[in-house]
Amino acid sequence: MTTIVGLTGGIGSGKSTVAKLFGDLGVHWVDADDVARQVVEPGQPALANIREHFGAEILTDEGRLDRAALRTIVFKDPAQREWLEKLLHPLIREELVRQLTPENHDQPYTLLVSPLLLETDQYQLVSRVVVVDVPVETQIERTVARDNNDRDQVERIIAAQMHRDERLKKANEVIDNNVPLADVRRRVETLHNQFLVAFA
């Protein structure tokens, strides 16, 4: 079984950028956010459950999940967020496990990229935890610019995630993503070489 390395960080920390740098080195990676989207695609049972619970207003005109509308509801109401997580987390985990163990995979490790790695039982799947870290103000600025969310909503999302200090305490390795991309790339290459030796 290939060793699984977890890559996590708060919203707006740049996990996808770092994952792509590992991908450039030939590392297979699975993004839990992508899987979370796949399990609520039209035709999937989870989408029908969500529609039944929240009503048709959380769907777009094309019948897809309106993630922004749903996010607004669940980050204002912890009980609704808990209901959604109970529905989705087991489905996401099952699909993650399937995608993390592809056939004909010859690298000694795979990367699980997940914003909620440490907040859910996904951490049980990984042997090492790599945290992508930036200051909270940087998280807010990047997320507001990227997602077109207002600052209050981004702050609520950050508050719902693990505190930055706590996340850093749980890290085996940290990648500072508040530096030039060339420095981030060098750090990724160093970690990749360490993992190749450690998991050979």
N, C-alpha and C. Protein backbone atom coordinates (compact mmCIF):
# COMPACT_ATOMS: atom_id res chain seq x y z
N MET A 1 0.86 -1.20 0.00
CA MET A 1 0.00 0.00 0.00
C MET A 1 0.89 1.24 0.00
N THR A 2 0.59 2.16 -0.88
CA THR A 2 1.33 3.42 -0.96
C THR A 2 1.10 4.24 0.30
N THR A 3 2.15 4.87 0.79
CA THR A 3 2.02 5.77 1.94
C THR A 3 1.25 7.02 1.51
N ILE A 4 0.36 7.50 2.39
CA ILE A 4 -0.41 8.71 2.09
C ILE A 4 0.10 9.84 2.97
N VAL A 5 0.44 10.95 2.33
CA VAL A 5 0.87 12.16 3.03
C VAL A 5 -0.27 13.17 2.95
N GLY A 6 -0.65 13.74 4.08
CA GLY A 6 -1.72 14.72 4.11
C GLY A 6 -1.17 16.13 3.91
N LEU A 7 -1.82 16.89 3.05
CA LEU A 7 -1.46 18.30 2.82
C LEU A 7 -2.67 19.15 3.20
N THR A 8 -2.50 20.02 4.18
CA THR A 8 -3.62 20.83 4.63
C THR A 8 -3.18 22.26 4.90
N GLY A 9 -4.16 23.09 5.24
CA GLY A 9 -3.91 24.50 5.51
C GLY A 9 -5.25 25.20 5.52
N GLY A 10 -5.32 26.36 6.11
CA GLY A 10 -6.57 27.11 6.15
C GLY A 10 -6.98 27.58 4.76
N ILE A 11 -8.22 28.03 4.65
CA ILE A 11 -8.72 28.56 3.39
C ILE A 11 -7.81 29.70 2.91
N GLY A 12 -7.51 29.72 1.62
CA GLY A 12 -6.68 30.79 1.07
C GLY A 12 -5.19 30.65 1.33
N SER A 13 -4.77 29.49 1.88
CA SER A 13 -3.35 29.33 2.19
C SER A 13 -2.53 28.91 0.97
N GLY A 14 -3.21 28.41 -0.07
CA GLY A 14 -2.49 28.03 -1.29
C GLY A 14 -2.21 26.54 -1.40
N LYS A 15 -3.09 25.72 -0.83
CA LYS A 15 -2.90 24.26 -0.89
C LYS A 15 -2.84 23.76 -2.33
N SER A 16 -3.73 24.30 -3.18
CA SER A 16 -3.78 23.81 -4.57
C SER A 16 -2.48 24.12 -5.31
N THR A 17 -1.94 25.31 -5.07
CA THR A 17 -0.67 25.69 -5.69
C THR A 17 0.43 24.72 -5.29
N VAL A 18 0.49 24.42 -4.00
CA VAL A 18 1.53 23.51 -3.48
C VAL A 18 1.30 22.09 -4.03
N ALA A 19 0.04 21.66 -4.07
CA ALA A 19 -0.26 20.32 -4.61
C ALA A 19 0.21 20.20 -6.05
N LYS A 20 0.00 21.27 -6.83
CA LYS A 20 0.43 21.24 -8.23
C LYS A 20 1.96 21.15 -8.34
N LEU A 21 2.67 21.78 -7.41
CA LEU A 21 4.14 21.68 -7.40
C LEU A 21 4.58 20.24 -7.13
N PHE A 22 3.89 19.56 -6.22
CA PHE A 22 4.17 18.14 -6.00
C PHE A 22 3.81 17.34 -7.26
N GLY A 23 2.68 17.71 -7.88
CA GLY A 23 2.26 17.03 -9.11
C GLY A 23 3.29 17.17 -10.21
N ASP A 24 3.94 18.34 -10.30
CA ASP A 24 4.98 18.56 -11.30
C ASP A 24 6.15 17.59 -11.12
N LEU A 25 6.30 17.07 -9.89
CA LEU A 25 7.38 16.11 -9.60
C LEU A 25 6.91 14.66 -9.80
N GLY A 26 5.69 14.51 -10.33
CA GLY A 26 5.18 13.16 -10.61
C GLY A 26 4.38 12.53 -9.49
N VAL A 27 4.04 13.31 -8.47
CA VAL A 27 3.30 12.78 -7.32
C VAL A 27 1.80 12.75 -7.64
N HIS A 28 1.17 11.60 -7.41
CA HIS A 28 -0.29 11.49 -7.57
C HIS A 28 -0.94 12.17 -6.36
N TRP A 29 -1.92 13.05 -6.64
CA TRP A 29 -2.61 13.71 -5.51
C TRP A 29 -4.10 13.75 -5.75
N VAL A 30 -4.82 13.72 -4.64
CA VAL A 30 -6.28 13.76 -4.66
C VAL A 30 -6.71 14.93 -3.78
N ASP A 31 -7.58 15.78 -4.32
CA ASP A 31 -8.04 16.97 -3.59
C ASP A 31 -9.42 16.69 -3.02
N ALA A 32 -9.53 16.75 -1.69
CA ALA A 32 -10.81 16.47 -1.04
C ALA A 32 -11.90 17.45 -1.47
N ASP A 33 -11.52 18.68 -1.83
CA ASP A 33 -12.52 19.64 -2.32
C ASP A 33 -13.12 19.16 -3.65
N ASP A 34 -12.25 18.61 -4.53
CA ASP A 34 -12.76 18.06 -5.80
C ASP A 34 -13.71 16.90 -5.54
N VAL A 35 -13.32 16.03 -4.60
CA VAL A 35 -14.16 14.87 -4.27
C VAL A 35 -15.47 15.34 -3.65
N ALA A 36 -15.40 16.39 -2.82
CA ALA A 36 -16.62 16.93 -2.20
C ALA A 36 -17.59 17.44 -3.27
N ARG A 37 -17.05 17.98 -4.36
CA ARG A 37 -17.90 18.43 -5.47
C ARG A 37 -18.48 17.23 -6.22
N GLN A 38 -17.66 16.19 -6.40
CA GLN A 38 -18.10 15.02 -7.16
C GLN A 38 -19.28 14.31 -6.48
N VAL A 39 -19.26 14.24 -5.14
CA VAL A 39 -20.33 13.48 -4.45
C VAL A 39 -21.66 14.23 -4.44
N VAL A 40 -21.66 15.51 -4.85
CA VAL A 40 -22.93 16.26 -4.92
C VAL A 40 -23.28 16.67 -6.36
N GLU A 41 -22.69 15.97 -7.33
CA GLU A 41 -23.03 16.21 -8.73
C GLU A 41 -24.49 15.84 -8.98
N PRO A 42 -25.14 16.43 -9.98
CA PRO A 42 -26.50 16.02 -10.33
C PRO A 42 -26.57 14.51 -10.55
N GLY A 43 -27.62 13.90 -10.01
CA GLY A 43 -27.77 12.44 -10.13
C GLY A 43 -27.22 11.69 -8.94
N GLN A 44 -26.38 12.33 -8.12
CA GLN A 44 -25.84 11.67 -6.93
C GLN A 44 -26.87 11.74 -5.80
N PRO A 45 -26.99 10.65 -5.01
CA PRO A 45 -27.98 10.63 -3.92
C PRO A 45 -27.80 11.79 -2.93
N ALA A 46 -26.56 12.20 -2.69
CA ALA A 46 -26.31 13.26 -1.70
C ALA A 46 -26.99 14.57 -2.11
N LEU A 47 -26.99 14.86 -3.41
CA LEU A 47 -27.61 16.11 -3.86
C LEU A 47 -29.12 16.08 -3.61
N ALA A 48 -29.74 14.93 -3.83
CA ALA A 48 -31.18 14.79 -3.57
C ALA A 48 -31.47 15.00 -2.08
N ASN A 49 -30.61 14.44 -1.22
CA ASN A 49 -30.78 14.62 0.23
C ASN A 49 -30.66 16.09 0.63
N ILE A 50 -29.68 16.78 0.04
CA ILE A 50 -29.45 18.19 0.36
C ILE A 50 -30.64 19.04 -0.10
N ARG A 51 -31.14 18.74 -1.29
CA ARG A 51 -32.28 19.49 -1.82
C ARG A 51 -33.51 19.29 -0.93
N GLU A 52 -33.71 18.04 -0.51
CA GLU A 52 -34.86 17.73 0.35
C GLU A 52 -34.76 18.49 1.68
N HIS A 53 -33.56 18.58 2.21
CA HIS A 53 -33.36 19.21 3.52
C HIS A 53 -33.41 20.74 3.46
N PHE A 54 -32.75 21.33 2.47
CA PHE A 54 -32.60 22.79 2.42
C PHE A 54 -33.58 23.47 1.47
N GLY A 55 -34.18 22.70 0.57
CA GLY A 55 -35.10 23.29 -0.39
C GLY A 55 -34.43 23.56 -1.73
N ALA A 56 -35.26 23.81 -2.74
CA ALA A 56 -34.77 23.95 -4.12
C ALA A 56 -33.94 25.22 -4.32
N GLU A 57 -34.00 26.17 -3.37
CA GLU A 57 -33.25 27.42 -3.57
C GLU A 57 -31.74 27.23 -3.46
N ILE A 58 -31.29 26.05 -3.01
CA ILE A 58 -29.83 25.83 -2.97
C ILE A 58 -29.36 25.17 -4.28
N LEU A 59 -30.24 25.11 -5.29
CA LEU A 59 -29.83 24.61 -6.60
C LEU A 59 -29.76 25.76 -7.59
N THR A 60 -28.86 25.64 -8.56
CA THR A 60 -28.80 26.62 -9.65
C THR A 60 -29.90 26.29 -10.66
N ASP A 61 -30.05 27.16 -11.64
CA ASP A 61 -31.05 26.91 -12.69
C ASP A 61 -30.76 25.62 -13.47
N GLU A 62 -29.48 25.23 -13.49
CA GLU A 62 -29.10 23.99 -14.21
C GLU A 62 -29.28 22.75 -13.35
N GLY A 63 -29.72 22.93 -12.08
CA GLY A 63 -29.92 21.78 -11.21
C GLY A 63 -28.68 21.35 -10.45
N ARG A 64 -27.65 22.19 -10.49
CA ARG A 64 -26.43 21.90 -9.73
C ARG A 64 -26.51 22.55 -8.35
N LEU A 65 -25.64 22.09 -7.45
CA LEU A 65 -25.61 22.67 -6.11
C LEU A 65 -25.04 24.08 -6.18
N ASP A 66 -25.76 25.03 -5.60
CA ASP A 66 -25.26 26.40 -5.49
C ASP A 66 -24.43 26.47 -4.20
N ARG A 67 -23.13 26.23 -4.36
CA ARG A 67 -22.25 26.09 -3.19
C ARG A 67 -22.20 27.38 -2.37
N ALA A 68 -22.23 28.52 -3.04
CA ALA A 68 -22.18 29.80 -2.31
C ALA A 68 -23.42 29.97 -1.44
N ALA A 69 -24.60 29.64 -1.99
CA ALA A 69 -25.85 29.75 -1.22
C ALA A 69 -25.83 28.80 -0.03
N LEU A 70 -25.36 27.57 -0.27
CA LEU A 70 -25.32 26.59 0.82
C LEU A 70 -24.32 27.03 1.89
N ARG A 71 -23.17 27.54 1.45
CA ARG A 71 -22.14 27.99 2.39
C ARG A 71 -22.68 29.09 3.30
N THR A 72 -23.45 30.02 2.71
CA THR A 72 -24.02 31.11 3.49
C THR A 72 -24.92 30.56 4.60
N ILE A 73 -25.72 29.55 4.28
CA ILE A 73 -26.64 28.96 5.27
C ILE A 73 -25.85 28.26 6.38
N VAL A 74 -24.91 27.38 5.99
CA VAL A 74 -24.29 26.52 7.01
C VAL A 74 -23.28 27.24 7.87
N PHE A 75 -22.69 28.33 7.38
CA PHE A 75 -21.75 29.05 8.24
C PHE A 75 -22.44 30.05 9.15
N LYS A 76 -23.77 30.20 8.98
CA LYS A 76 -24.54 31.02 9.92
C LYS A 76 -25.23 30.16 10.97
N ASP A 77 -25.37 28.86 10.69
CA ASP A 77 -26.14 27.97 11.56
C ASP A 77 -25.36 26.67 11.81
N PRO A 78 -24.72 26.56 12.98
CA PRO A 78 -23.90 25.38 13.27
C PRO A 78 -24.66 24.06 13.17
N ALA A 79 -25.95 24.07 13.51
CA ALA A 79 -26.73 22.82 13.45
C ALA A 79 -26.88 22.36 12.00
N GLN A 80 -27.07 23.31 11.09
CA GLN A 80 -27.19 22.96 9.67
C GLN A 80 -25.85 22.45 9.13
N ARG A 81 -24.77 23.08 9.59
CA ARG A 81 -23.45 22.63 9.15
C ARG A 81 -23.19 21.20 9.63
N GLU A 82 -23.59 20.93 10.86
CA GLU A 82 -23.40 19.59 11.42
C GLU A 82 -24.19 18.55 10.62
N TRP A 83 -25.43 18.90 10.24
CA TRP A 83 -26.25 17.97 9.45
C TRP A 83 -25.56 17.67 8.13
N LEU A 84 -25.05 18.73 7.47
CA LEU A 84 -24.41 18.56 6.17
C LEU A 84 -23.14 17.71 6.29
N GLU A 85 -22.35 17.97 7.32
CA GLU A 85 -21.11 17.21 7.50
C GLU A 85 -21.38 15.74 7.76
N LYS A 86 -22.44 15.45 8.55
CA LYS A 86 -22.79 14.04 8.83
C LYS A 86 -23.16 13.31 7.54
N LEU A 87 -23.81 14.02 6.64
CA LEU A 87 -24.19 13.43 5.35
C LEU A 87 -22.96 13.21 4.47
N LEU A 88 -22.13 14.26 4.34
CA LEU A 88 -21.09 14.26 3.30
C LEU A 88 -19.77 13.62 3.71
N HIS A 89 -19.35 13.78 4.96
CA HIS A 89 -18.01 13.31 5.32
C HIS A 89 -17.78 11.82 5.07
N PRO A 90 -18.73 10.93 5.42
CA PRO A 90 -18.50 9.50 5.12
C PRO A 90 -18.41 9.23 3.61
N LEU A 91 -19.24 9.93 2.81
CA LEU A 91 -19.21 9.75 1.36
C LEU A 91 -17.89 10.23 0.78
N ILE A 92 -17.42 11.37 1.27
CA ILE A 92 -16.16 11.94 0.78
C ILE A 92 -15.01 11.01 1.14
N ARG A 93 -15.01 10.52 2.37
CA ARG A 93 -13.92 9.63 2.81
C ARG A 93 -13.86 8.37 1.94
N GLU A 94 -15.02 7.77 1.69
CA GLU A 94 -15.07 6.54 0.89
C GLU A 94 -14.49 6.77 -0.51
N GLU A 95 -14.87 7.89 -1.11
CA GLU A 95 -14.39 8.21 -2.46
C GLU A 95 -12.91 8.57 -2.45
N LEU A 96 -12.46 9.25 -1.39
CA LEU A 96 -11.04 9.58 -1.25
C LEU A 96 -10.19 8.31 -1.23
N VAL A 97 -10.62 7.36 -0.42
CA VAL A 97 -9.86 6.10 -0.30
C VAL A 97 -9.75 5.43 -1.66
N ARG A 98 -10.85 5.45 -2.42
CA ARG A 98 -10.83 4.82 -3.74
C ARG A 98 -9.84 5.52 -4.66
N GLN A 99 -9.85 6.87 -4.66
CA GLN A 99 -8.99 7.61 -5.58
C GLN A 99 -7.51 7.65 -5.13
N LEU A 100 -7.28 7.46 -3.84
CA LEU A 100 -5.90 7.53 -3.33
C LEU A 100 -5.11 6.26 -3.63
N THR A 101 -5.80 5.21 -4.05
CA THR A 101 -5.09 3.95 -4.31
C THR A 101 -5.31 3.52 -5.77
N PRO A 102 -4.79 4.33 -6.70
CA PRO A 102 -4.98 3.98 -8.12
C PRO A 102 -4.15 2.76 -8.50
N GLU A 103 -4.61 2.06 -9.51
CA GLU A 103 -3.82 0.93 -10.02
C GLU A 103 -2.60 1.48 -10.78
N ASN A 104 -1.59 0.64 -10.91
CA ASN A 104 -0.37 0.99 -11.65
C ASN A 104 0.29 2.27 -11.12
N HIS A 105 0.27 2.42 -9.81
CA HIS A 105 0.86 3.62 -9.20
C HIS A 105 2.23 3.25 -8.65
N ASP A 106 3.30 3.86 -9.19
CA ASP A 106 4.64 3.40 -8.80
C ASP A 106 5.39 4.37 -7.89
N GLN A 107 4.76 5.47 -7.49
CA GLN A 107 5.43 6.38 -6.54
C GLN A 107 5.28 5.81 -5.13
N PRO A 108 6.28 6.05 -4.26
CA PRO A 108 6.18 5.50 -2.90
C PRO A 108 5.18 6.23 -2.01
N TYR A 109 4.68 7.38 -2.45
CA TYR A 109 3.66 8.05 -1.63
C TYR A 109 2.67 8.80 -2.52
N THR A 110 1.49 9.05 -1.96
CA THR A 110 0.42 9.82 -2.61
C THR A 110 0.08 10.97 -1.69
N LEU A 111 -0.52 12.01 -2.24
CA LEU A 111 -0.85 13.21 -1.48
C LEU A 111 -2.37 13.34 -1.35
N LEU A 112 -2.83 13.48 -0.11
CA LEU A 112 -4.24 13.81 0.15
C LEU A 112 -4.31 15.28 0.52
N VAL A 113 -4.91 16.08 -0.36
CA VAL A 113 -5.01 17.53 -0.15
C VAL A 113 -6.39 17.82 0.43
N SER A 114 -6.43 18.33 1.66
CA SER A 114 -7.73 18.52 2.31
C SER A 114 -7.71 19.68 3.30
N PRO A 115 -8.65 20.64 3.16
CA PRO A 115 -8.71 21.73 4.12
C PRO A 115 -9.15 21.26 5.50
N LEU A 116 -9.90 20.14 5.55
CA LEU A 116 -10.43 19.64 6.83
C LEU A 116 -9.74 18.35 7.26
N LEU A 117 -8.51 18.17 6.83
CA LEU A 117 -7.77 16.95 7.17
C LEU A 117 -7.76 16.71 8.67
N LEU A 118 -7.46 17.75 9.44
CA LEU A 118 -7.29 17.60 10.89
C LEU A 118 -8.59 17.76 11.66
N GLU A 119 -9.62 18.31 10.99
CA GLU A 119 -10.92 18.50 11.66
C GLU A 119 -11.83 17.29 11.51
N THR A 120 -11.48 16.38 10.58
CA THR A 120 -12.31 15.19 10.32
C THR A 120 -11.44 13.95 10.54
N ASP A 121 -12.05 12.78 10.34
CA ASP A 121 -11.27 11.55 10.53
C ASP A 121 -10.37 11.25 9.33
N GLN A 122 -10.30 12.17 8.37
CA GLN A 122 -9.39 11.97 7.23
C GLN A 122 -7.93 11.84 7.69
N TYR A 123 -7.61 12.47 8.82
CA TYR A 123 -6.21 12.40 9.28
C TYR A 123 -5.78 10.97 9.57
N GLN A 124 -6.76 10.08 9.82
CA GLN A 124 -6.43 8.68 10.10
C GLN A 124 -5.89 7.96 8.85
N LEU A 125 -6.10 8.57 7.69
CA LEU A 125 -5.63 7.96 6.44
C LEU A 125 -4.16 8.25 6.16
N VAL A 126 -3.57 9.24 6.86
CA VAL A 126 -2.25 9.72 6.46
C VAL A 126 -1.16 9.35 7.47
N SER A 127 0.07 9.25 6.94
CA SER A 127 1.23 8.94 7.78
C SER A 127 1.98 10.20 8.21
N ARG A 128 1.89 11.25 7.39
CA ARG A 128 2.55 12.54 7.70
C ARG A 128 1.57 13.66 7.41
N VAL A 129 1.72 14.76 8.15
CA VAL A 129 0.89 15.94 7.92
C VAL A 129 1.80 17.10 7.51
N VAL A 130 1.54 17.63 6.31
CA VAL A 130 2.25 18.82 5.83
C VAL A 130 1.26 19.98 5.85
N VAL A 131 1.61 21.06 6.55
CA VAL A 131 0.72 22.22 6.64
C VAL A 131 1.27 23.35 5.77
N VAL A 132 0.40 23.86 4.89
CA VAL A 132 0.72 25.06 4.11
C VAL A 132 0.26 26.25 4.95
N ASP A 133 1.18 27.15 5.25
CA ASP A 133 0.88 28.20 6.23
C ASP A 133 1.09 29.60 5.67
N VAL A 134 0.12 30.48 5.93
CA VAL A 134 0.26 31.92 5.67
C VAL A 134 -0.42 32.64 6.84
N PRO A 135 -0.10 33.92 7.06
CA PRO A 135 -0.80 34.68 8.10
C PRO A 135 -2.30 34.78 7.80
N VAL A 136 -3.10 34.92 8.87
CA VAL A 136 -4.56 34.96 8.71
C VAL A 136 -4.99 36.10 7.78
N GLU A 137 -4.34 37.25 7.89
CA GLU A 137 -4.73 38.39 7.04
C GLU A 137 -4.52 38.06 5.56
N THR A 138 -3.46 37.30 5.27
CA THR A 138 -3.22 36.86 3.89
C THR A 138 -4.32 35.90 3.43
N GLN A 139 -4.74 34.99 4.31
CA GLN A 139 -5.85 34.09 3.99
C GLN A 139 -7.09 34.89 3.59
N ILE A 140 -7.40 35.91 4.39
CA ILE A 140 -8.61 36.71 4.14
C ILE A 140 -8.50 37.42 2.80
N GLU A 141 -7.38 38.09 2.57
CA GLU A 141 -7.20 38.86 1.33
C GLU A 141 -7.32 37.95 0.10
N ARG A 142 -6.63 36.81 0.15
CA ARG A 142 -6.64 35.89 -1.01
C ARG A 142 -8.03 35.34 -1.26
N THR A 143 -8.73 34.97 -0.19
CA THR A 143 -10.04 34.34 -0.36
C THR A 143 -11.08 35.33 -0.84
N VAL A 144 -11.05 36.54 -0.31
CA VAL A 144 -11.98 37.58 -0.77
C VAL A 144 -11.76 37.83 -2.27
N ALA A 145 -10.50 37.92 -2.68
CA ALA A 145 -10.18 38.18 -4.09
C ALA A 145 -10.56 37.00 -4.99
N ARG A 146 -10.36 35.78 -4.49
CA ARG A 146 -10.57 34.58 -5.31
C ARG A 146 -12.05 34.19 -5.40
N ASP A 147 -12.75 34.20 -4.29
CA ASP A 147 -14.11 33.64 -4.23
C ASP A 147 -15.21 34.68 -4.29
N ASN A 148 -14.83 35.95 -4.29
CA ASN A 148 -15.83 37.00 -4.34
C ASN A 148 -16.76 36.95 -3.12
N ASN A 149 -16.23 36.45 -1.99
CA ASN A 149 -16.98 36.46 -0.73
C ASN A 149 -16.66 37.74 0.01
N ASP A 150 -17.58 38.18 0.90
CA ASP A 150 -17.22 39.36 1.69
C ASP A 150 -16.36 38.94 2.87
N ARG A 151 -15.70 39.91 3.46
CA ARG A 151 -14.73 39.65 4.52
C ARG A 151 -15.37 38.92 5.71
N ASP A 152 -16.59 39.32 6.09
CA ASP A 152 -17.25 38.70 7.24
C ASP A 152 -17.42 37.20 7.03
N GLN A 153 -17.84 36.83 5.82
CA GLN A 153 -18.05 35.40 5.56
C GLN A 153 -16.73 34.63 5.59
N VAL A 154 -15.69 35.23 5.03
CA VAL A 154 -14.38 34.56 5.05
C VAL A 154 -13.90 34.39 6.49
N GLU A 155 -14.12 35.41 7.32
CA GLU A 155 -13.71 35.31 8.73
C GLU A 155 -14.49 34.20 9.44
N ARG A 156 -15.78 34.04 9.08
CA ARG A 156 -16.58 32.96 9.69
C ARG A 156 -16.04 31.59 9.28
N ILE A 157 -15.64 31.47 8.01
CA ILE A 157 -15.09 30.20 7.52
C ILE A 157 -13.78 29.89 8.26
N ILE A 158 -12.93 30.90 8.40
CA ILE A 158 -11.65 30.71 9.11
C ILE A 158 -11.91 30.32 10.56
N ALA A 159 -12.91 30.96 11.19
CA ALA A 159 -13.24 30.66 12.59
C ALA A 159 -13.74 29.22 12.74
N ALA A 160 -14.39 28.70 11.68
CA ALA A 160 -14.92 27.33 11.74
C ALA A 160 -13.82 26.29 11.53
N GLN A 161 -12.69 26.72 10.96
CA GLN A 161 -11.57 25.79 10.76
C GLN A 161 -10.69 25.78 12.00
N MET A 162 -9.80 24.81 12.05
CA MET A 162 -8.87 24.72 13.18
C MET A 162 -8.02 25.99 13.26
N HIS A 163 -7.75 26.44 14.49
CA HIS A 163 -6.94 27.64 14.69
C HIS A 163 -5.54 27.42 14.11
N ARG A 164 -5.00 28.47 13.54
CA ARG A 164 -3.68 28.36 12.87
C ARG A 164 -2.62 27.75 13.80
N ASP A 165 -2.54 28.21 15.04
CA ASP A 165 -1.51 27.70 15.97
C ASP A 165 -1.69 26.21 16.23
N GLU A 166 -2.95 25.79 16.37
CA GLU A 166 -3.24 24.38 16.63
C GLU A 166 -2.85 23.52 15.43
N ARG A 167 -3.14 24.03 14.24
CA ARG A 167 -2.81 23.30 13.01
C ARG A 167 -1.29 23.12 12.92
N LEU A 168 -0.55 24.20 13.20
CA LEU A 168 0.91 24.13 13.12
C LEU A 168 1.48 23.14 14.13
N LYS A 169 0.84 23.03 15.29
CA LYS A 169 1.31 22.07 16.31
C LYS A 169 1.18 20.64 15.81
N LYS A 170 0.18 20.39 14.98
CA LYS A 170 -0.07 19.02 14.52
C LYS A 170 0.74 18.67 13.26
N ALA A 171 1.47 19.65 12.75
CA ALA A 171 2.22 19.43 11.49
C ALA A 171 3.50 18.65 11.73
N ASN A 172 3.78 17.71 10.82
CA ASN A 172 5.12 17.10 10.78
C ASN A 172 6.07 17.98 9.99
N GLU A 173 5.51 18.65 8.96
CA GLU A 173 6.29 19.56 8.12
C GLU A 173 5.44 20.79 7.82
N VAL A 174 6.09 21.94 7.65
CA VAL A 174 5.37 23.18 7.33
C VAL A 174 5.97 23.77 6.05
N ILE A 175 5.08 24.24 5.17
CA ILE A 175 5.52 24.96 3.97
C ILE A 175 5.01 26.40 4.11
N ASP A 176 5.94 27.34 4.22
CA ASP A 176 5.57 28.76 4.29
C ASP A 176 5.21 29.22 2.88
N ASN A 177 3.94 29.59 2.68
CA ASN A 177 3.50 30.02 1.36
C ASN A 177 3.31 31.54 1.31
N ASN A 178 4.02 32.23 2.19
CA ASN A 178 3.98 33.70 2.19
C ASN A 178 5.32 34.24 1.67
N VAL A 179 5.96 33.43 0.83
CA VAL A 179 7.27 33.77 0.26
C VAL A 179 7.17 33.62 -1.26
N PRO A 180 8.17 34.06 -2.02
CA PRO A 180 8.12 33.90 -3.48
C PRO A 180 7.93 32.44 -3.90
N LEU A 181 7.25 32.25 -5.04
CA LEU A 181 6.94 30.90 -5.53
C LEU A 181 8.19 30.04 -5.70
N ALA A 182 9.29 30.66 -6.11
CA ALA A 182 10.54 29.89 -6.30
C ALA A 182 10.99 29.26 -4.99
N ASP A 183 10.80 29.99 -3.88
CA ASP A 183 11.17 29.44 -2.55
C ASP A 183 10.23 28.30 -2.15
N VAL A 184 8.94 28.46 -2.47
CA VAL A 184 7.97 27.40 -2.18
C VAL A 184 8.34 26.15 -2.98
N ARG A 185 8.69 26.35 -4.24
CA ARG A 185 9.05 25.21 -5.10
C ARG A 185 10.27 24.47 -4.54
N ARG A 186 11.25 25.22 -4.07
CA ARG A 186 12.46 24.59 -3.49
C ARG A 186 12.09 23.76 -2.25
N ARG A 187 11.21 24.32 -1.42
CA ARG A 187 10.78 23.61 -0.21
C ARG A 187 10.04 22.32 -0.57
N VAL A 188 9.19 22.39 -1.58
CA VAL A 188 8.45 21.20 -2.04
C VAL A 188 9.43 20.14 -2.55
N GLU A 189 10.42 20.57 -3.33
CA GLU A 189 11.40 19.61 -3.86
C GLU A 189 12.18 18.94 -2.73
N THR A 190 12.54 19.72 -1.71
CA THR A 190 13.26 19.16 -0.55
C THR A 190 12.41 18.10 0.15
N LEU A 191 11.13 18.46 0.41
CA LEU A 191 10.25 17.50 1.09
C LEU A 191 10.03 16.26 0.24
N HIS A 192 9.85 16.45 -1.06
CA HIS A 192 9.64 15.32 -1.97
C HIS A 192 10.81 14.35 -1.89
N ASN A 193 12.01 14.88 -1.92
CA ASN A 193 13.20 14.02 -1.84
C ASN A 193 13.27 13.29 -0.49
N GLN A 194 12.89 14.00 0.58
CA GLN A 194 12.87 13.36 1.91
C GLN A 194 11.84 12.20 1.93
N PHE A 195 10.67 12.46 1.33
CA PHE A 195 9.61 11.44 1.34
C PHE A 195 10.00 10.23 0.50
N LEU A 196 10.68 10.47 -0.63
CA LEU A 196 11.12 9.36 -1.47
C LEU A 196 12.04 8.41 -0.69
N VAL A 197 12.90 8.99 0.12
CA VAL A 197 13.81 8.17 0.95
C VAL A 197 13.03 7.51 2.08
N ALA A 198 12.19 8.29 2.77
CA ALA A 198 11.49 7.78 3.96
C ALA A 198 10.52 6.65 3.62
N PHE A 199 9.87 6.73 2.44
CA PHE A 199 8.83 5.78 2.13
C PHE A 199 9.24 4.75 1.08
N ALA A 200 10.52 4.73 0.75
CA ALA A 200 10.99 3.78 -0.28
C ALA A 200 10.80 2.35 0.18
